[in-house]
Protein backbone atom coordinates (compact mmCIF):
# COMPACT_ATOMS: atom_id res chain seq x y z
CA MET A 1 0.84 13.37 -17.65
CA SER A 2 -1.38 16.17 -18.92
CA LYS A 3 -4.89 16.90 -17.65
CA ASP A 4 -6.59 14.72 -20.26
CA GLY A 5 -4.31 11.78 -19.55
CA GLN A 6 -1.88 12.22 -22.45
CA ASN A 7 1.70 11.34 -21.66
CA GLN A 8 3.66 14.14 -23.31
CA GLU A 9 6.99 12.38 -22.92
CA ARG A 10 6.16 9.45 -25.18
CA PRO A 11 7.16 9.95 -28.82
CA SER A 12 5.12 8.19 -31.48
CA GLU A 13 7.16 5.26 -32.73
CA THR A 14 7.18 1.53 -33.21
CA CYS A 15 9.51 -0.92 -31.56
CA SER A 16 9.91 -4.61 -32.37
CA ILE A 17 11.87 -6.84 -30.00
CA ARG A 18 12.63 -10.53 -30.25
CA SER A 19 14.07 -12.29 -27.20
CA ASN A 20 15.02 -15.83 -26.26
CA ASP A 21 15.12 -14.98 -22.54
CA VAL A 22 11.80 -14.88 -20.70
CA LEU A 23 13.29 -12.55 -18.07
CA GLU A 24 14.16 -9.97 -20.69
CA HIS A 25 10.87 -10.46 -22.48
CA GLY A 26 8.94 -9.32 -19.41
CA ARG A 27 10.95 -6.10 -19.17
CA GLN A 28 10.61 -4.84 -22.74
CA LEU A 29 7.49 -2.68 -22.65
CA ARG A 30 8.12 0.97 -21.87
CA GLY A 31 6.35 2.12 -18.73
CA TRP A 32 5.38 -1.43 -17.70
CA ARG A 33 6.61 -3.57 -14.81
CA LEU A 34 6.03 -7.20 -15.71
CA GLU A 35 7.38 -10.44 -14.33
CA CYS A 36 7.14 -13.51 -16.52
CA VAL A 37 7.88 -16.98 -15.13
CA GLN A 38 8.27 -19.74 -17.71
CA LEU A 39 6.03 -22.65 -16.80
CA SER A 40 6.38 -25.04 -19.74
CA ALA A 41 9.68 -26.62 -20.80
CA GLY A 42 11.71 -25.64 -23.84
CA ALA A 43 13.71 -22.80 -25.34
CA PHE A 44 11.77 -19.54 -25.10
CA ASP A 45 11.00 -17.39 -28.13
CA GLY A 46 9.10 -14.15 -27.68
CA ILE A 47 8.33 -11.26 -30.02
CA THR A 48 6.95 -7.94 -28.79
CA CYS A 49 5.82 -5.25 -31.24
CA GLU A 50 4.92 -1.93 -29.65
CA LEU A 51 3.29 1.09 -31.28
CA GLN A 52 3.14 4.28 -29.22
CA LEU A 53 0.61 6.90 -30.29
CA ASP A 54 -0.44 10.10 -28.53
CA HIS A 55 -3.12 8.42 -26.42
CA PHE A 56 -2.90 4.72 -27.20
CA GLN A 57 -0.14 2.18 -26.68
CA ILE A 58 -0.73 -0.83 -28.92
CA ILE A 59 1.19 -4.05 -28.24
CA ARG A 60 1.34 -7.34 -30.06
CA GLU A 61 2.99 -10.17 -28.13
CA ARG A 62 3.79 -13.64 -29.40
CA THR A 63 5.19 -16.33 -27.10
CA ASN A 64 5.86 -20.05 -27.49
CA GLN A 65 5.79 -21.17 -23.83
CA ALA A 66 3.21 -21.14 -21.03
CA LEU A 67 3.97 -18.27 -18.64
CA ILE A 68 2.85 -16.93 -15.30
CA LYS A 69 2.51 -13.16 -15.88
CA ARG A 70 1.93 -10.48 -13.27
CA GLY A 71 2.72 -6.81 -12.80
CA ALA A 72 1.46 -3.41 -13.89
CA SER A 73 1.44 -1.03 -16.83
CA TRP A 74 1.86 2.74 -16.53
CA PRO A 75 -0.14 4.80 -13.97
CA ASP A 76 -3.83 5.56 -14.68
CA SER A 77 -3.92 3.08 -17.55
CA ILE A 78 -6.57 0.62 -18.65
CA VAL A 79 -5.41 -2.42 -20.62
CA LEU A 80 -7.64 -4.21 -23.12
CA SER A 81 -6.31 -7.67 -24.06
CA LEU A 82 -7.49 -9.46 -27.21
CA PRO A 83 -6.12 -12.93 -28.03
CA LEU A 84 -5.60 -13.48 -31.76
CA ASP A 85 -4.56 -17.13 -31.57
CA ALA A 86 -3.68 -19.58 -28.83
CA SER A 87 -2.70 -23.19 -28.35
CA GLY A 88 -3.45 -24.62 -24.93
CA GLN A 89 -5.41 -23.40 -21.95
CA GLY A 90 -5.20 -20.05 -20.17
CA TRP A 91 -6.14 -19.49 -16.51
CA LEU A 92 -7.23 -16.47 -14.45
CA GLY A 93 -8.03 -16.62 -10.76
CA GLY A 94 -8.17 -20.40 -10.83
CA HIS A 95 -10.72 -20.35 -13.66
CA GLN A 96 -10.09 -21.57 -17.18
CA LEU A 97 -10.32 -18.75 -19.71
CA PRO A 98 -12.67 -19.41 -22.62
CA ALA A 99 -11.18 -19.24 -26.10
CA GLY A 100 -10.93 -15.65 -27.32
CA ALA A 101 -11.62 -14.20 -23.87
CA THR A 102 -11.30 -10.40 -23.84
CA LEU A 103 -9.98 -8.78 -20.67
CA LEU A 104 -10.33 -5.12 -19.65
CA SER A 105 -8.01 -4.63 -16.68
CA ASP A 106 -6.77 -1.97 -14.29
CA GLY A 107 -3.25 -1.26 -15.52
CA ASN A 108 -2.08 -0.44 -12.00
CA ASN A 109 -2.86 -3.96 -10.84
CA LEU A 110 -2.96 -6.44 -13.70
CA PRO A 111 -4.43 -9.83 -12.77
CA GLU A 112 -2.03 -12.75 -12.61
CA LEU A 113 -2.43 -14.89 -15.71
CA ARG A 114 -1.33 -18.35 -16.66
CA THR A 115 -1.02 -18.04 -20.43
CA PRO A 116 -1.56 -20.77 -23.02
CA THR A 117 1.49 -22.61 -24.32
CA ARG A 118 1.51 -20.64 -27.56
CA LEU A 119 -0.13 -17.23 -27.58
CA ASP A 120 -0.57 -14.42 -30.09
CA LEU A 121 -2.03 -11.50 -28.16
CA ILE A 122 -2.77 -7.88 -28.95
CA CYS A 123 -3.28 -5.29 -26.21
CA VAL A 124 -4.34 -1.65 -26.13
CA ALA A 125 -3.40 0.53 -23.16
CA PHE A 126 -4.86 3.99 -22.65
CA SER A 127 -5.45 6.52 -19.88
CA ARG A 128 -8.59 5.86 -17.87
CA ARG A 129 -9.12 9.60 -17.32
CA TRP A 130 -8.63 10.49 -21.00
CA PHE A 131 -10.83 7.64 -22.23
CA THR A 132 -13.63 8.41 -19.75
CA ILE A 133 -13.71 12.02 -21.01
CA ARG A 134 -13.91 10.80 -24.62
CA VAL A 135 -16.74 8.40 -23.70
CA ILE A 136 -18.70 11.23 -22.05
CA GLU A 137 -18.15 13.49 -25.05
CA ALA A 138 -19.55 10.73 -27.27
CA GLY A 139 -22.71 10.66 -25.15
CA TYR A 140 -22.20 7.27 -23.45
CA LEU A 141 -22.71 8.43 -19.86
CA ARG A 142 -23.56 5.01 -18.43
CA LEU A 143 -20.58 3.45 -20.20
CA ALA A 144 -18.34 6.19 -18.78
CA GLU A 145 -19.41 5.22 -15.26
CA HIS A 146 -18.62 1.56 -15.92
CA VAL A 147 -15.21 2.41 -17.42
CA TRP A 148 -14.31 4.70 -14.53
CA ARG A 149 -15.17 1.93 -12.06
CA LEU A 150 -13.07 -0.49 -14.14
CA GLU A 151 -15.90 -2.97 -14.49
CA ARG A 152 -15.52 -6.00 -16.74
CA PHE A 153 -17.11 -6.22 -20.18
CA SER A 154 -17.87 -9.00 -22.60
CA ILE A 155 -17.44 -7.59 -26.12
CA PRO A 156 -19.68 -9.18 -28.81
CA GLU A 157 -17.77 -11.42 -31.19
CA GLN A 158 -18.34 -9.29 -34.29
CA HIS A 159 -16.98 -6.20 -32.52
CA ARG A 160 -14.04 -8.15 -31.09
CA LEU A 161 -13.11 -9.38 -34.55
CA ALA A 162 -13.48 -5.88 -36.01
CA LEU A 163 -11.23 -4.44 -33.32
CA CYS A 164 -8.60 -7.16 -33.83
CA ALA A 165 -8.65 -6.59 -37.60
CA LEU A 166 -8.24 -2.83 -37.14
CA LEU A 167 -5.32 -3.19 -34.74
CA LEU A 168 -3.53 -5.60 -37.07
CA SER A 169 -4.08 -3.25 -40.00
CA ILE A 170 -2.61 -0.37 -37.99
CA PHE A 171 0.59 -2.35 -37.44
CA GLU A 172 0.71 -3.29 -41.14
CA GLU A 173 0.18 0.27 -42.36
CA VAL A 174 2.74 1.78 -40.00
CA GLU A 175 5.21 -0.93 -41.04
CA ARG A 176 4.58 -0.09 -44.68
CA GLN A 177 4.58 3.68 -44.21
CA PRO A 178 6.28 4.83 -40.97
CA SER A 179 5.69 8.48 -41.88
CA ILE A 180 2.11 8.00 -40.65
CA LEU A 181 3.50 8.62 -37.19
CA VAL A 182 5.34 11.78 -38.20
CA HIS A 183 2.31 13.88 -39.06
CA ALA A 184 -0.22 15.03 -36.48
CA ALA A 185 -3.12 14.78 -38.94
CA SER A 186 -2.56 11.10 -39.72
CA ARG A 187 -1.95 10.25 -36.07
CA GLU A 188 -5.17 11.97 -35.08
CA ALA A 189 -7.17 10.25 -37.82
CA LEU A 190 -5.75 6.88 -36.81
CA GLU A 191 -6.63 7.41 -33.15
CA ASP A 192 -10.14 8.64 -34.03
CA THR A 193 -10.78 5.44 -36.00
CA LEU A 194 -9.51 3.30 -33.13
CA LEU A 195 -11.56 5.24 -30.58
CA GLU A 196 -14.75 4.90 -32.65
CA THR A 197 -14.25 1.16 -33.10
CA LEU A 198 -13.51 0.67 -29.41
CA LEU A 199 -16.55 2.70 -28.36
CA ALA A 200 -18.79 0.76 -30.76
CA GLY A 201 -17.66 -2.51 -29.21
CA LEU A 202 -17.97 -1.39 -25.59
CA ALA A 203 -21.36 0.25 -26.20
CA GLU A 204 -22.74 -3.14 -27.32
CA SER A 205 -21.00 -5.06 -24.53
CA VAL A 206 -22.55 -6.61 -21.46
CA LEU A 207 -21.12 -6.33 -17.97
CA VAL A 208 -19.70 -9.49 -16.49
CA THR A 209 -18.98 -10.26 -12.87
CA LEU A 210 -15.29 -10.63 -12.07
CA ALA A 211 -14.88 -14.09 -10.66
CA GLU A 212 -12.94 -14.14 -7.42
CA ASP A 213 -10.02 -16.48 -6.92
CA THR A 214 -11.27 -19.96 -6.19
CA PRO A 215 -10.53 -21.46 -2.75
CA ARG A 216 -8.25 -23.95 -4.52
CA LYS A 217 -6.20 -21.14 -6.04
CA GLN A 218 -6.05 -19.30 -2.72
CA LEU A 219 -4.59 -22.42 -1.15
CA ALA A 220 -2.18 -22.91 -4.06
CA ASP A 221 -0.99 -19.31 -3.74
CA GLN A 222 -0.47 -19.74 -0.01
CA VAL A 223 1.74 -22.73 -0.72
CA ARG A 224 3.65 -20.81 -3.40
CA TYR A 225 4.35 -18.07 -0.87
CA LEU A 226 5.55 -20.49 1.80
CA MET A 227 7.80 -22.29 -0.68
CA LEU A 228 9.36 -19.21 -2.27
CA LYS A 229 9.50 -16.46 0.37
CA ASP A 230 12.91 -17.72 1.57
CA PRO A 231 14.27 -20.34 -0.86
CA SER A 232 17.20 -21.22 1.40
CA GLU A 233 14.85 -22.30 4.22
CA ALA A 234 11.77 -23.39 2.27
CA PRO A 235 9.77 -26.30 3.66
CA ASN A 236 9.12 -29.26 1.39
CA LEU A 237 5.66 -30.19 0.19
CA ALA A 238 5.22 -32.90 2.80
CA GLU A 239 5.93 -30.42 5.60
CA ILE A 240 3.53 -27.88 4.10
CA CYS A 241 0.81 -30.51 3.87
CA ARG A 242 1.28 -31.31 7.56
CA ARG A 243 1.29 -27.63 8.48
CA LEU A 244 -1.93 -26.94 6.54
CA SER A 245 -3.56 -30.28 7.47
CA ILE A 246 -4.17 -31.28 3.87
CA SER A 247 -3.24 -34.34 1.84
CA ARG A 248 -0.60 -34.24 -0.85
CA ALA A 249 -3.21 -35.40 -3.37
CA HIS A 250 -5.47 -32.47 -2.47
CA LEU A 251 -2.59 -30.03 -2.79
CA GLN A 252 -1.61 -31.37 -6.21
CA ASN A 253 -5.26 -31.17 -7.25
CA CYS A 254 -5.50 -27.52 -6.18
CA PHE A 255 -2.58 -26.60 -8.41
CA GLN A 256 -3.82 -28.71 -11.31
CA LEU A 257 -7.25 -27.08 -11.23
CA SER A 258 -5.83 -23.55 -10.77
CA TYR A 259 -2.86 -23.51 -13.13
CA GLY A 260 -3.05 -26.68 -15.18
CA VAL A 261 0.13 -28.08 -13.58
CA THR A 262 0.92 -29.94 -10.36
CA ALA A 263 2.38 -28.30 -7.28
CA THR A 264 5.67 -30.09 -7.98
CA GLN A 265 5.83 -28.69 -11.50
CA MET A 266 4.90 -25.16 -10.41
CA ILE A 267 7.45 -24.99 -7.58
CA ARG A 268 10.21 -26.49 -9.74
CA ALA A 269 9.52 -23.92 -12.49
CA ALA A 270 9.53 -21.06 -9.97
CA ARG A 271 12.81 -22.20 -8.42
CA LEU A 272 14.48 -22.65 -11.79
CA HIS A 273 13.27 -19.14 -12.64
CA GLY A 274 14.88 -17.87 -9.44
CA VAL A 275 18.21 -19.50 -10.35
CA ARG A 276 18.07 -18.08 -13.88
CA SER A 277 17.27 -14.61 -12.57
CA GLU A 278 20.27 -14.65 -10.22
CA LEU A 279 22.62 -15.95 -12.93
CA ARG A 280 21.38 -13.36 -15.41
CA ASP A 281 21.83 -10.51 -12.89
CA ALA A 282 25.36 -11.72 -12.13
CA ARG A 283 26.19 -11.77 -15.84
CA LEU A 284 24.82 -8.28 -16.42
CA SER A 285 26.70 -6.85 -13.43
CA GLY A 286 29.92 -8.69 -14.24
CA ARG A 287 29.93 -10.57 -10.91
CA GLN A 288 31.46 -14.01 -10.57
CA VAL A 289 29.06 -16.50 -9.00
CA SER A 290 29.10 -20.21 -8.26
CA ILE A 291 26.28 -21.85 -10.18
CA GLY A 292 26.25 -24.65 -7.62
CA ASP A 293 25.83 -22.20 -4.73
CA VAL A 294 22.98 -20.39 -6.47
CA ALA A 295 21.27 -23.69 -7.28
CA ALA A 296 21.67 -24.94 -3.72
CA ARG A 297 20.19 -21.74 -2.33
CA TRP A 298 17.08 -22.46 -4.43
CA GLY A 299 16.83 -26.02 -3.14
CA PHE A 300 18.64 -28.00 -5.85
CA TRP A 301 21.08 -30.41 -4.22
CA HIS A 302 21.65 -32.96 -7.02
CA TRP A 303 23.94 -31.32 -9.61
CA SER A 304 23.33 -33.52 -12.64
CA ARG A 305 19.58 -33.59 -12.03
CA PHE A 306 19.55 -29.79 -11.63
CA THR A 307 21.47 -29.17 -14.87
CA ALA A 308 19.21 -31.60 -16.73
CA ASP A 309 16.09 -29.87 -15.38
CA TYR A 310 17.53 -26.44 -16.20
CA ARG A 311 18.39 -27.44 -19.75
CA ARG A 312 14.99 -29.03 -20.27
CA GLN A 313 13.24 -25.91 -18.97
CA PHE A 314 15.21 -23.23 -20.81
CA GLY A 315 16.93 -25.03 -23.69
CA GLU A 316 20.43 -24.27 -22.42
CA LEU A 317 22.80 -25.14 -19.59
CA PRO A 318 23.19 -22.71 -16.67
CA SER A 319 26.81 -22.14 -17.72
CA VAL A 320 25.50 -20.60 -20.94
CA THR A 321 23.16 -18.27 -19.04
CA VAL A 322 25.98 -16.85 -16.96
CA ARG A 323 28.44 -16.60 -19.85
CA PRO A 324 29.47 -12.98 -20.67
CA ALA A 325 28.64 -11.23 -23.94
CA ARG A 326 25.53 -13.29 -24.47
CA LEU A 327 23.17 -11.88 -27.13
CA SER A 328 19.60 -12.84 -26.39
CA GLN A 329 17.46 -10.21 -28.07
CA SER A 330 17.18 -8.01 -31.12
CA ARG A 331 15.50 -4.63 -31.15
CA GLN A 332 14.28 -2.46 -34.00
CA PHE A 333 12.81 1.04 -33.82
CA LYS A 334 10.83 2.77 -36.52
CA GLY A 335 8.96 6.01 -36.83
CA GLY A 336 9.32 9.05 -34.65
CA ARG A 337 7.30 12.19 -34.19
CA SER A 338 8.85 15.34 -35.60
CA ASP A 339 6.16 17.88 -34.71
CA SER A 340 4.50 18.94 -31.51
CA GLY A 341 1.15 17.62 -32.74
């Protein structure tokens, strides 16, 4: 990373990846560490389009299932998330996200999100140090302080729409003419336009207080930890309720009001995710594993019920997941920088 926050090792290029495996989908973005847990049932279909410029990383992500997403982007980054379209409810910190909610987040510690069932999202990641310097140079000293402290903004609707339209047009133009990324002059002009539009939106924004996790979500997360820290010795919900001196109805209510699903649904989805992760790792490493043993370790004792749940959740049987030579994604690269810029 250079002094102004530019990552010199990232060539300008575009990358489009389509995956039918939620585990692979969460590992596609270069420099990011994301975990995605599929919450809703059905075969997963995800498309990630990534455009890497000199100072901006632009990402468009489309998914067809509700996910729990957590992780981090590259060091010193800020991530601006702009939903283009969504079907269903999103959740952050136990709070329902309003339609079109814009998030400006610390890339080193992205907030855990429960995404809507279908989501078309565009994100912009950039260096906090580099962007703060650009903000100061533009004369927005107060804004620079807010950005450096990673405070939350509410961008006016007209600026949000203008920014979304610009980002979509950038993808369209680079798709139509990849040589835009080859020449330093066009890359610089593109980034200047994006920077000006972003500054215009943030300059008109108002600060918003970051809502803390609700007590209900804190309790739900405590239960998630107890249930998943050691799957082979996990207590059941009844035992957890006794341990925490709460009723089962209250526990289910905490999950419903924090994630939009019951505790039973959340824990089942997390355990199925754990099974799928182990089977996928075994397939990639060429190891032979017993599906029944893996399932039992994650608390599934009834074989036919487990396979039915697994198929309902992921659209395939566990035997398909572990099968060798399974193609689950397609990847396309375009562009490429040929000068030192």
